[in-house]
Amino acid sequence: MASPSVDLSPEQSAALDLLRSGENVFLTGGAGSGKSFLIRQFMRELDPKEMPILASTGAAAVLLGGRTFHSFFGLGIMEGGADATYERAAKDKRLMSRLRKVEGVIIDEISMIPGQALMIAEALAQRARESKLPWGGMRIITVGDFAQLPPVTQSGARDWCFLNGVWEASGFQVTILSHNQRVSDNLFLDVLSDVRHGQVTERVRDFLNEHVQMHDEDDPGTRLFPRKINAEKFNEKKLYEIDEEEVVIESVYTGSERHIQMLKKASPIAEKLILKIGCEVMFLQNDPQRRWVNGTRGTVSDITSDQITVRKERGREVQVSKSSFALQDAEGMVMAQVEQFPLTLAYATTIHKSQGATLDDLWCDLSQLWEPGQAYVALSRLRSSEGLHLIGWNPRSIIVDPKVLQFYKQFEGL
């Protein structure tokens, strides 16, 4: 049962009941509605061997302590297309055995999984379990928001997985978390809803114009950039400005050389963490003891070899120890591991990397975005509109795929 110390809202309780029902479930809702929190509650009741959680990207898998969807289903990089991928994976005895053993899987950030990948995975599950039932009778729980980041599509139309026949065949029971747990300001909630639907309404224009200002590089808020190179440069610049000695903390890797290279590529953990006393940092994961969450910011007040003391923004000082971040193989065995403090410089990050984080203060340029959901992901990181500073914005950056709008229309009134 759910931990008694956790208070769930009526809609969260109803969603948890559905997750416990044994049905295939699609858990959705806008940013900040508590999807990840609810899944964490549900997972406490599960045996991860029977119901593993699968991430859509390598970086998410490393932070989640899980496996990627592609590795679990033996898809690799889907070289040669759908048929070749299926034929290759179907010959993999360990994969077939793995798919027979599990009760089901939880797929996180489902919006980033291409439809073709979902289709091949389902066909492999049917083959392994020798059953024509959807997924061969395996239970599937999908979690995410299609109005956020889309699947990576090389060319042509976006391959949203809800457009694939497998989505309908899976018979998902839909549960929508509609209450934003992060934001309580009604105007901001309305603006976020408009942006999520790709609507540049008058209130959106007025609201965004009101928050445009000259970039004050000394203001402490986090900068969100669409591109990684800009975020890295800004972090380096701000660190350089602090008149303290640089402390370099090397990440410690274990595992075979090949797997360590794979982990370095997938991991959000840098090979070196370079800090100074007085620098601003952001936590990269939720603390099991609940002293911080992914996105909590603070200032480094002390550094020793095995502990960093961080004074949280508007909060107390906490002592942070190193964490282990692992790359798992398809069977859930650890192939490579990195030990490092779960911290990164907080002056800047990318919109992609910020997904899932909660911020109090944010500087962002919404002038030249190109992907559906990017503007929404950026704006919805905030607890309050008071923390929003826009360097610029352009109506063309507020993009939603019409197919996503069409998809969500069917659930209105749920």
Protein backbone atom coordinates (compact mmCIF):
# COMPACT_ATOMS: atom_id res chain seq x y z
CA MET A 1 0.00 0.00 0.00
CA ALA A 2 1.04 3.65 -0.40
CA SER A 3 3.19 5.11 2.34
CA PRO A 4 0.83 6.46 5.03
CA SER A 5 2.95 9.59 5.46
CA VAL A 6 2.13 10.75 1.95
CA ASP A 7 -0.99 12.80 1.35
CA LEU A 8 -2.53 12.20 -2.05
CA SER A 9 -5.12 14.44 -3.66
CA PRO A 10 -8.43 12.78 -4.71
CA GLU A 11 -7.32 12.63 -8.37
CA GLN A 12 -3.94 11.16 -7.38
CA SER A 13 -5.67 8.53 -5.22
CA ALA A 14 -7.97 7.62 -8.12
CA ALA A 15 -4.95 7.36 -10.46
CA LEU A 16 -3.10 5.15 -7.96
CA ASP A 17 -6.13 2.86 -7.74
CA LEU A 18 -6.09 2.52 -11.52
CA LEU A 19 -2.35 1.76 -11.49
CA ARG A 20 -3.06 -1.02 -8.98
CA SER A 21 -5.94 -2.42 -11.08
CA GLY A 22 -3.86 -4.67 -13.33
CA GLU A 23 -5.01 -2.80 -16.46
CA ASN A 24 -2.83 -1.21 -19.12
CA VAL A 25 -2.66 2.46 -18.12
CA PHE A 26 -1.67 5.77 -19.71
CA LEU A 27 -0.90 8.25 -16.91
CA THR A 28 -0.77 11.77 -18.30
CA GLY A 29 -1.15 15.41 -17.32
CA GLY A 30 0.66 18.69 -17.78
CA ALA A 31 4.01 19.63 -16.29
CA GLY A 32 4.02 19.80 -12.50
CA SER A 33 0.92 17.61 -12.10
CA GLY A 34 2.81 14.98 -10.08
CA LYS A 35 3.17 12.10 -12.58
CA SER A 36 6.70 11.16 -11.45
CA PHE A 37 5.75 11.48 -7.79
CA LEU A 38 2.80 9.13 -8.26
CA ILE A 39 4.86 6.56 -10.16
CA ARG A 40 7.46 6.63 -7.37
CA GLN A 41 4.66 5.90 -4.85
CA PHE A 42 3.35 3.05 -7.00
CA MET A 43 6.80 1.55 -7.53
CA ARG A 44 7.27 1.11 -3.78
CA GLU A 45 4.67 -1.66 -3.99
CA LEU A 46 6.33 -3.44 -6.91
CA ASP A 47 9.13 -5.89 -7.45
CA PRO A 48 11.36 -4.12 -10.03
CA LYS A 49 12.28 -7.52 -11.48
CA GLU A 50 8.63 -8.16 -12.34
CA MET A 51 7.73 -4.60 -13.37
CA PRO A 52 10.86 -2.69 -14.40
CA ILE A 53 10.74 1.02 -15.22
CA LEU A 54 12.12 1.92 -18.64
CA ALA A 55 13.39 5.37 -19.63
CA SER A 56 13.17 6.93 -23.07
CA THR A 57 16.81 8.12 -23.14
CA GLY A 58 20.15 6.95 -21.77
CA ALA A 59 20.55 10.08 -19.63
CA ALA A 60 17.12 9.56 -18.04
CA ALA A 61 17.91 5.86 -17.41
CA VAL A 62 21.13 6.76 -15.57
CA LEU A 63 19.30 9.22 -13.29
CA LEU A 64 16.32 6.90 -12.84
CA GLY A 65 18.45 3.90 -11.97
CA GLY A 66 16.77 1.94 -14.74
CA ARG A 67 17.14 0.74 -18.31
CA THR A 68 16.20 2.30 -21.58
CA PHE A 69 13.17 1.12 -23.53
CA HIS A 70 15.40 0.37 -26.55
CA SER A 71 17.87 -1.78 -24.60
CA PHE A 72 15.17 -3.70 -22.69
CA PHE A 73 13.39 -4.67 -25.92
CA GLY A 74 16.65 -5.34 -27.79
CA LEU A 75 16.02 -2.64 -30.41
CA GLY A 76 19.50 -1.10 -30.49
CA ILE A 77 19.53 1.87 -32.84
CA MET A 78 16.99 0.14 -35.13
CA GLU A 79 19.53 -0.19 -37.90
CA GLY A 80 18.05 -1.24 -41.22
CA GLY A 81 14.48 -0.35 -40.26
CA ALA A 82 11.61 -2.13 -38.51
CA ASP A 83 11.79 -5.58 -40.15
CA ALA A 84 15.56 -5.95 -39.78
CA THR A 85 15.36 -4.82 -36.14
CA TYR A 86 12.59 -7.32 -35.39
CA GLU A 87 14.41 -10.21 -37.09
CA ARG A 88 17.64 -9.44 -35.25
CA ALA A 89 15.96 -9.13 -31.82
CA ALA A 90 13.74 -12.20 -32.28
CA LYS A 91 16.89 -14.38 -32.48
CA ASP A 92 18.10 -13.10 -29.10
CA LYS A 93 17.32 -15.91 -26.62
CA ARG A 94 18.05 -13.76 -23.56
CA LEU A 95 15.60 -11.13 -24.80
CA MET A 96 12.88 -13.74 -25.41
CA SER A 97 13.43 -15.17 -21.93
CA ARG A 98 13.38 -11.68 -20.35
CA LEU A 99 10.07 -10.80 -22.03
CA ARG A 100 8.51 -14.06 -20.81
CA LYS A 101 9.59 -13.50 -17.19
CA VAL A 102 8.29 -10.00 -16.48
CA GLU A 103 4.72 -9.20 -15.53
CA GLY A 104 4.97 -5.93 -17.45
CA VAL A 105 6.87 -2.66 -17.79
CA ILE A 106 6.46 1.03 -16.91
CA ILE A 107 7.56 3.31 -19.76
CA ASP A 108 8.52 6.80 -18.57
CA GLU A 109 8.49 9.93 -20.80
CA ILE A 110 6.43 8.03 -23.39
CA SER A 111 6.24 11.13 -25.63
CA MET A 112 9.87 10.55 -26.66
CA ILE A 113 9.37 6.92 -27.78
CA PRO A 114 8.78 6.67 -31.57
CA GLY A 115 5.73 4.73 -32.75
CA GLN A 116 7.85 2.34 -34.78
CA ALA A 117 9.84 1.39 -31.66
CA LEU A 118 6.60 0.70 -29.77
CA MET A 119 5.30 -1.44 -32.63
CA ILE A 120 8.43 -3.64 -32.82
CA ALA A 121 8.53 -4.00 -29.02
CA GLU A 122 4.94 -5.23 -28.96
CA ALA A 123 5.57 -7.73 -31.77
CA LEU A 124 8.60 -9.09 -29.87
CA ALA A 125 6.57 -9.44 -26.66
CA GLN A 126 3.89 -11.40 -28.55
CA ARG A 127 6.52 -13.68 -30.06
CA ALA A 128 8.32 -14.29 -26.77
CA ARG A 129 5.10 -15.05 -24.90
CA GLU A 130 3.58 -17.01 -27.83
CA SER A 131 0.37 -15.04 -27.57
CA LYS A 132 -1.57 -12.81 -29.94
CA LEU A 133 -2.93 -10.76 -27.04
CA PRO A 134 -1.71 -7.15 -27.04
CA TRP A 135 1.93 -7.27 -25.83
CA GLY A 136 1.52 -11.04 -25.47
CA GLY A 137 -0.46 -10.42 -22.29
CA MET A 138 2.28 -8.29 -20.72
CA ARG A 139 1.06 -5.32 -18.67
CA ILE A 140 2.07 -1.88 -19.98
CA ILE A 141 1.97 1.38 -18.04
CA THR A 142 2.93 4.49 -20.00
CA VAL A 143 3.67 7.82 -18.33
CA GLY A 144 4.16 11.22 -19.89
CA ASP A 145 2.79 14.25 -21.67
CA PHE A 146 2.75 14.42 -25.47
CA ALA A 147 2.58 18.23 -25.24
CA GLN A 148 6.17 18.16 -23.95
CA LEU A 149 9.22 16.91 -25.83
CA PRO A 150 8.64 14.87 -29.02
CA PRO A 151 10.31 11.66 -30.25
CA VAL A 152 13.54 12.07 -32.18
CA THR A 153 12.55 11.66 -35.82
CA GLN A 154 15.29 11.72 -38.45
CA SER A 155 13.10 13.09 -41.22
CA GLY A 156 9.48 13.36 -42.30
CA ALA A 157 6.48 13.51 -39.99
CA ARG A 158 6.93 13.05 -36.26
CA ASP A 159 6.46 9.41 -35.31
CA TRP A 160 4.25 9.91 -32.24
CA CYS A 161 3.56 6.52 -30.69
CA PHE A 162 -0.16 7.27 -30.17
CA LEU A 163 -0.53 7.33 -33.99
CA ASN A 164 0.64 3.72 -34.26
CA GLY A 165 -2.00 0.97 -34.29
CA VAL A 166 -0.32 -0.65 -31.28
CA TRP A 167 -1.37 2.28 -29.09
CA GLU A 168 -5.07 1.63 -29.65
CA ALA A 169 -4.64 -2.14 -29.52
CA SER A 170 -3.04 -1.78 -26.06
CA GLY A 171 -6.39 -0.61 -24.66
CA PHE A 172 -4.91 1.92 -22.26
CA GLN A 173 -7.13 3.11 -19.43
CA VAL A 174 -6.41 6.84 -19.31
CA THR A 175 -5.91 8.75 -16.09
CA ILE A 176 -5.24 12.49 -16.28
CA LEU A 177 -3.70 14.51 -13.47
CA SER A 178 -5.17 17.94 -14.12
CA HIS A 179 -4.14 19.77 -10.97
CA ASN A 180 -0.78 21.56 -11.16
CA GLN A 181 1.04 20.79 -7.88
CA ARG A 182 3.79 23.27 -8.69
CA VAL A 183 1.93 26.51 -9.51
CA SER A 184 -0.89 28.19 -7.59
CA ASP A 185 -1.10 31.51 -9.52
CA ASN A 186 -4.29 31.34 -11.65
CA LEU A 187 -3.17 33.68 -14.44
CA PHE A 188 0.11 31.77 -14.83
CA LEU A 189 -1.83 28.47 -14.93
CA ASP A 190 -4.06 29.84 -17.71
CA VAL A 191 -1.02 31.07 -19.67
CA LEU A 192 0.68 27.66 -19.30
CA SER A 193 -2.49 25.95 -20.52
CA ASP A 194 -2.62 28.22 -23.60
CA VAL A 195 1.07 27.61 -24.37
CA ARG A 196 0.62 23.84 -23.89
CA HIS A 197 -2.14 24.02 -26.53
CA GLY A 198 0.04 26.16 -28.84
CA GLN A 199 -2.27 29.16 -28.50
CA VAL A 200 -0.72 32.63 -28.57
CA THR A 201 -3.73 34.31 -26.97
CA GLU A 202 -3.92 37.93 -25.90
CA ARG A 203 -3.23 36.95 -22.29
CA VAL A 204 -0.16 34.96 -23.42
CA ARG A 205 1.15 37.98 -25.38
CA ASP A 206 0.52 40.38 -22.50
CA PHE A 207 2.01 38.02 -19.95
CA LEU A 208 5.18 37.25 -21.95
CA ASN A 209 5.69 40.91 -22.94
CA GLU A 210 5.41 41.88 -19.29
CA HIS A 211 8.27 39.54 -18.41
CA VAL A 212 10.70 40.63 -21.15
CA GLN A 213 13.75 42.46 -19.83
CA MET A 214 17.39 43.15 -20.62
CA HIS A 215 19.58 40.22 -19.63
CA ASP A 216 21.14 40.93 -16.24
CA GLU A 217 24.02 38.45 -16.20
CA ASP A 218 24.56 39.00 -12.47
CA ASP A 219 21.03 37.96 -11.53
CA PRO A 220 21.19 34.55 -9.81
CA GLY A 221 18.33 32.79 -11.71
CA THR A 222 18.99 29.68 -13.82
CA ARG A 223 19.39 30.27 -17.57
CA LEU A 224 17.66 27.82 -19.87
CA PHE A 225 19.20 27.57 -23.34
CA PRO A 226 17.90 25.51 -26.24
CA ARG A 227 21.49 24.42 -27.06
CA LYS A 228 24.04 22.68 -24.81
CA ILE A 229 27.08 24.71 -25.93
CA ASN A 230 25.50 27.99 -24.74
CA ALA A 231 24.68 26.52 -21.32
CA GLU A 232 28.24 25.20 -20.86
CA LYS A 233 29.81 28.53 -21.85
CA PHE A 234 27.61 30.51 -19.46
CA ASN A 235 28.41 28.14 -16.56
CA GLU A 236 32.17 28.43 -17.23
CA LYS A 237 31.97 32.22 -17.41
CA LYS A 238 30.10 32.54 -14.09
CA LEU A 239 32.46 30.14 -12.30
CA TYR A 240 35.48 32.09 -13.58
CA GLU A 241 34.08 35.29 -12.02
CA ILE A 242 34.24 33.86 -8.47
CA ASP A 243 37.49 34.80 -6.73
CA GLU A 244 38.04 31.47 -5.00
CA GLU A 245 40.21 28.44 -5.69
CA GLU A 246 38.83 25.94 -8.17
CA VAL A 247 38.17 22.45 -6.81
CA VAL A 248 38.16 19.68 -9.40
CA ILE A 249 36.35 16.50 -8.38
CA GLU A 250 36.97 13.66 -10.82
CA SER A 251 34.13 11.24 -11.46
CA VAL A 252 35.20 7.69 -10.53
CA TYR A 253 34.21 5.07 -13.09
CA THR A 254 34.11 1.29 -12.71
CA GLY A 255 33.28 -1.29 -15.36
CA SER A 256 34.74 -2.40 -18.67
CA GLU A 257 36.27 0.31 -20.89
CA ARG A 258 33.58 -0.12 -23.54
CA HIS A 259 30.76 0.25 -21.04
CA ILE A 260 32.43 3.19 -19.31
CA GLN A 261 32.54 4.98 -22.68
CA MET A 262 28.84 4.22 -23.18
CA LEU A 263 28.07 5.55 -19.69
CA LYS A 264 30.06 8.74 -20.34
CA LYS A 265 28.05 9.29 -23.50
CA ALA A 266 24.66 8.65 -21.89
CA SER A 267 25.24 10.13 -18.47
CA PRO A 268 24.20 13.61 -17.35
CA ILE A 269 27.13 13.37 -14.89
CA ALA A 270 30.23 15.22 -16.16
CA GLU A 271 33.64 13.53 -16.12
CA LYS A 272 34.83 16.35 -13.84
CA LEU A 273 32.80 18.44 -11.45
CA ILE A 274 34.51 21.84 -11.16
CA LEU A 275 33.31 23.93 -8.23
CA LYS A 276 34.34 26.86 -6.05
CA ILE A 277 33.19 27.92 -2.60
CA GLY A 278 30.32 30.34 -3.25
CA CYS A 279 29.26 28.87 -6.60
CA GLU A 280 25.62 28.12 -7.41
CA VAL A 281 24.72 24.45 -7.87
CA MET A 282 21.60 22.47 -8.76
CA PHE A 283 20.69 18.97 -7.58
CA LEU A 284 20.29 16.36 -10.32
CA GLN A 285 18.11 13.86 -8.50
CA ASN A 286 15.49 13.53 -5.79
CA ASP A 287 16.89 12.78 -2.35
CA PRO A 288 15.40 9.65 -0.73
CA GLN A 289 15.38 11.57 2.58
CA ARG A 290 13.51 14.43 0.84
CA ARG A 291 16.06 17.13 1.70
CA TRP A 292 16.08 18.22 -1.94
CA VAL A 293 14.46 17.42 -5.30
CA ASN A 294 15.71 17.44 -8.88
CA GLY A 295 16.17 21.15 -9.65
CA THR A 296 16.73 22.40 -6.05
CA ARG A 297 19.36 25.16 -6.09
CA GLY A 298 21.85 26.26 -3.51
CA THR A 299 25.28 27.76 -2.84
CA VAL A 300 28.36 25.71 -2.01
CA SER A 301 29.65 26.68 1.44
CA ASP A 302 32.21 23.93 2.05
CA ILE A 303 33.96 21.22 0.07
CA THR A 304 35.80 18.17 1.44
CA SER A 305 36.83 15.01 -0.38
CA ASP A 306 33.72 13.10 0.67
CA GLN A 307 31.12 15.81 1.38
CA ILE A 308 29.91 19.08 -0.06
CA THR A 309 27.91 21.45 2.10
CA VAL A 310 25.21 23.34 0.21
CA ARG A 311 23.05 26.12 1.59
CA LYS A 312 19.72 25.62 -0.17
CA GLU A 313 18.02 28.66 -1.62
CA ARG A 314 15.67 29.94 1.08
CA GLY A 315 16.53 26.86 3.12
CA ARG A 316 18.92 25.13 5.42
CA GLU A 317 22.43 23.82 4.88
CA VAL A 318 22.64 20.20 3.82
CA GLN A 319 25.61 17.89 3.54
CA VAL A 320 25.75 16.03 0.26
CA SER A 321 27.59 12.75 -0.22
CA LYS A 322 28.53 11.12 -3.50
CA SER A 323 25.94 9.03 -5.33
CA SER A 324 26.36 6.12 -7.70
CA PHE A 325 24.89 6.39 -11.17
CA ALA A 326 24.81 3.20 -13.20
CA LEU A 327 24.41 2.04 -16.75
CA GLN A 328 22.43 -1.19 -16.74
CA ASP A 329 22.28 -3.79 -19.44
CA ALA A 330 19.01 -5.11 -20.79
CA GLU A 331 18.86 -7.66 -17.94
CA GLY A 332 19.21 -4.95 -15.31
CA MET A 333 22.81 -5.89 -14.47
CA VAL A 334 25.17 -2.98 -13.83
CA MET A 335 27.69 -2.73 -16.69
CA ALA A 336 29.40 0.47 -15.61
CA GLN A 337 29.07 2.84 -12.71
CA VAL A 338 30.11 6.40 -11.94
CA GLU A 339 30.46 7.86 -8.48
CA GLN A 340 30.04 11.61 -8.17
CA PHE A 341 28.17 14.27 -6.21
CA PRO A 342 24.61 14.64 -7.63
CA LEU A 343 25.29 18.30 -8.43
CA THR A 344 25.89 20.48 -11.45
CA LEU A 345 26.55 24.19 -11.87
CA ALA A 346 23.20 25.97 -11.72
CA TYR A 347 23.82 29.10 -13.75
CA ALA A 348 22.57 27.48 -16.95
CA THR A 349 21.17 24.25 -18.37
CA THR A 350 19.32 23.20 -21.51
CA ILE A 351 15.54 23.09 -21.90
CA HIS A 352 15.79 19.34 -22.59
CA LYS A 353 17.77 18.67 -19.41
CA SER A 354 15.42 20.80 -17.33
CA GLN A 355 12.44 18.54 -18.00
CA GLY A 356 11.31 17.22 -14.62
CA ALA A 357 13.03 19.98 -12.64
CA THR A 358 11.30 22.64 -10.53
CA LEU A 359 12.84 26.13 -10.49
CA ASP A 360 12.13 29.31 -8.54
CA ASP A 361 13.95 31.71 -10.86
CA LEU A 362 14.52 31.46 -14.57
CA TRP A 363 16.01 33.45 -17.45
CA CYS A 364 15.14 32.22 -20.92
CA ASP A 365 15.15 33.35 -24.52
CA LEU A 366 12.07 32.03 -26.35
CA SER A 367 12.96 33.74 -29.64
CA GLN A 368 14.30 30.86 -31.72
CA LEU A 369 12.85 27.55 -30.61
CA TRP A 370 12.15 24.88 -33.19
CA GLU A 371 10.57 21.91 -31.43
CA PRO A 372 6.99 21.32 -30.25
CA GLY A 373 6.70 21.61 -26.48
CA GLN A 374 10.02 23.42 -25.94
CA ALA A 375 8.46 26.73 -24.86
CA TYR A 376 5.99 24.90 -22.62
CA VAL A 377 8.70 22.80 -20.96
CA ALA A 378 10.77 25.95 -20.30
CA LEU A 379 7.93 28.04 -18.81
CA SER A 380 6.43 25.19 -16.80
CA ARG A 381 9.61 24.64 -14.77
CA LEU A 382 8.63 27.58 -12.57
CA ARG A 383 6.73 27.57 -9.29
CA SER A 384 5.65 31.18 -9.75
CA SER A 385 5.57 33.69 -12.60
CA GLU A 386 7.47 36.11 -10.34
CA GLY A 387 10.60 34.10 -11.12
CA LEU A 388 10.24 34.48 -14.91
CA HIS A 389 12.68 36.72 -16.81
CA LEU A 390 12.42 36.59 -20.59
CA ILE A 391 15.29 37.83 -22.74
CA GLY A 392 12.94 37.69 -25.71
CA TRP A 393 10.15 35.65 -27.26
CA ASN A 394 8.58 34.99 -30.64
CA PRO A 395 5.07 33.62 -31.33
CA ARG A 396 6.68 31.16 -33.79
CA SER A 397 8.48 29.49 -30.84
CA ILE A 398 5.20 28.44 -29.24
CA ILE A 399 4.65 25.23 -31.13
CA VAL A 400 2.38 22.26 -30.63
CA ASP A 401 1.88 19.45 -33.11
CA PRO A 402 -1.81 19.54 -34.27
CA LYS A 403 -1.84 15.73 -33.96
CA VAL A 404 -1.14 16.05 -30.23
CA LEU A 405 -4.06 18.47 -29.82
CA GLN A 406 -6.29 16.06 -31.72
CA PHE A 407 -5.14 13.18 -29.52
CA TYR A 408 -5.91 14.99 -26.25
CA LYS A 409 -9.31 16.22 -27.49
CA GLN A 410 -10.79 12.76 -27.03
CA PHE A 411 -10.15 12.93 -23.27
CA GLU A 412 -11.91 16.23 -22.65
CA GLY A 413 -14.37 15.82 -19.82
CA LEU A 414 -12.54 12.80 -18.40
